Protein backbone atom coordinates (compact mmCIF):
# COMPACT_ATOMS: atom_id res chain seq x y z
CA MET A 1 -85.92 90.26 -110.75
CA ILE A 2 -88.46 88.98 -108.24
CA LEU A 3 -89.02 85.87 -110.35
CA LEU A 4 -85.28 85.15 -110.32
CA LEU A 5 -85.09 85.51 -106.52
CA ALA A 6 -88.12 83.25 -106.10
CA SER A 7 -86.64 80.56 -108.33
CA ILE A 8 -83.26 80.70 -106.52
CA LEU A 9 -85.10 80.47 -103.19
CA PHE A 10 -87.20 77.51 -104.46
CA VAL A 11 -84.01 75.69 -105.61
CA ALA A 12 -82.29 76.39 -102.25
CA ILE A 13 -85.27 74.98 -100.32
CA GLY A 14 -85.31 71.88 -102.60
CA VAL A 15 -81.58 71.31 -102.03
CA ALA A 16 -82.05 71.70 -98.24
CA VAL A 17 -84.90 69.19 -98.22
CA VAL A 18 -83.03 66.64 -100.25
CA THR A 19 -79.90 67.06 -98.10
CA ALA A 20 -81.95 66.57 -94.91
CA LEU A 21 -83.59 63.41 -96.28
CA LEU A 22 -80.27 61.92 -97.40
CA GLY A 23 -78.65 62.82 -94.08
CA SER A 24 -81.49 61.17 -92.15
CA ALA A 25 -81.24 58.01 -94.30
CA VAL A 26 -77.48 57.80 -93.75
CA PHE A 27 -77.79 58.41 -90.02
CA GLN A 28 -80.48 55.70 -89.65
CA PHE A 29 -78.41 53.26 -91.70
CA MET A 30 -75.34 53.81 -89.48
CA ASN A 31 -77.30 53.37 -86.28
CA THR A 32 -78.94 50.07 -86.97
CA ASN A 33 -77.58 46.57 -87.33
CA GLU A 34 -78.64 43.70 -89.64
CA ASP A 35 -81.87 43.15 -87.65
CA GLY A 36 -82.92 46.77 -88.00
CA LEU A 37 -82.43 47.21 -84.26
CA SER A 38 -80.39 49.95 -82.52
CA PRO A 39 -77.65 48.82 -80.11
CA LEU A 40 -79.98 49.51 -77.17
CA GLU A 41 -82.84 47.57 -78.79
CA LYS A 42 -80.41 44.70 -79.50
CA LYS A 43 -79.40 44.64 -75.83
CA CYS A 44 -83.05 44.72 -74.74
CA GLN A 45 -83.77 41.89 -77.21
CA GLN A 46 -81.15 39.75 -75.46
CA ILE A 47 -82.64 40.57 -72.06
CA ALA A 48 -86.12 39.69 -73.29
CA ASN A 49 -84.92 36.46 -74.88
CA GLU A 50 -83.22 35.31 -71.73
CA GLY A 51 -86.29 36.13 -69.57
CA TYR A 52 -88.57 34.37 -72.00
CA ASN A 53 -86.33 31.28 -71.98
CA ILE A 54 -86.65 31.05 -68.19
CA HIS A 55 -90.41 31.45 -68.42
CA ALA A 56 -90.43 28.71 -71.10
CA ILE A 57 -88.69 26.28 -68.72
CA TYR A 58 -91.13 27.06 -65.87
CA PRO A 59 -94.32 28.23 -67.66
CA ALA A 60 -96.80 27.89 -64.77
CA ALA A 61 -94.43 28.91 -61.94
CA ASN A 62 -94.67 32.12 -59.97
CA THR A 63 -91.39 33.92 -59.30
CA GLU A 64 -91.36 32.61 -55.76
CA ASP A 65 -91.75 29.00 -57.00
CA LEU A 66 -88.60 29.13 -59.20
CA PRO A 67 -85.34 27.62 -58.07
CA GLU A 68 -83.31 30.26 -56.29
CA ASN A 69 -80.80 30.86 -59.10
CA TYR A 70 -83.61 31.28 -61.67
CA MET A 71 -85.58 33.50 -59.28
CA LYS A 72 -82.58 35.84 -58.78
CA ARG A 73 -81.88 35.91 -62.50
CA ILE A 74 -85.46 36.66 -63.52
CA LEU A 75 -85.74 39.45 -60.90
CA TYR A 76 -82.45 40.95 -62.15
CA LEU A 77 -83.59 40.76 -65.76
CA ASP A 78 -86.94 42.29 -64.89
CA ASN A 79 -85.19 45.13 -63.10
CA ILE A 80 -82.85 46.01 -65.97
CA TRP A 81 -85.69 45.45 -68.54
CA MET A 82 -87.77 48.09 -66.76
CA LYS A 83 -84.94 50.59 -66.19
CA GLU A 84 -82.96 50.28 -69.36
CA CYS A 85 -85.60 49.31 -71.91
CA VAL A 86 -89.18 50.18 -70.96
CA ALA A 87 -88.26 53.49 -69.41
CA VAL A 88 -86.17 54.58 -72.40
CA LEU A 89 -87.47 53.03 -75.61
CA PRO A 90 -90.70 54.04 -77.40
CA ALA A 91 -93.66 51.68 -77.29
CA ASP A 92 -93.22 50.52 -80.91
CA SER A 93 -89.66 49.35 -80.09
CA ILE A 94 -90.87 47.39 -77.06
CA ILE A 95 -93.62 45.72 -79.13
CA ARG A 96 -91.16 44.88 -81.90
CA ILE A 97 -88.80 43.30 -79.33
CA ALA A 98 -91.63 41.27 -77.81
CA ASN A 99 -92.72 40.05 -81.24
CA ASN A 100 -89.12 39.11 -82.04
CA VAL A 101 -88.84 37.09 -78.84
CA GLU A 102 -91.89 35.01 -79.75
CA ARG A 103 -90.67 34.55 -83.32
CA ASP A 104 -87.13 33.61 -82.23
CA ILE A 105 -88.32 31.08 -79.68
CA MET A 106 -91.02 29.55 -81.88
CA HIS A 107 -88.67 29.10 -84.86
CA GLY A 108 -85.66 28.13 -82.78
CA GLU A 109 -83.57 31.08 -83.97
């Protein structure tokens, strides 16, 4: 009797673990796009790309030395980058975004 209850309990635990793993995989698949980035990470990637492009045009310039329209844009991008990306995303996401910016710019993607 006890052996039967133990085997039923073991099977139930196994089914629960498999269900949790499959549910996690489906949830992750639904929340990422073709780049493996979440929607927030994708938005932050676009912010980082635009900021990097401005820095690529004026590599040695301080913010104050930029033309006014670029200065305003880079300050705006920096503000939303800090509030919407750095403050919210984990460090590994920020690092992945930074690595993608360098790769995208270097390879002209």
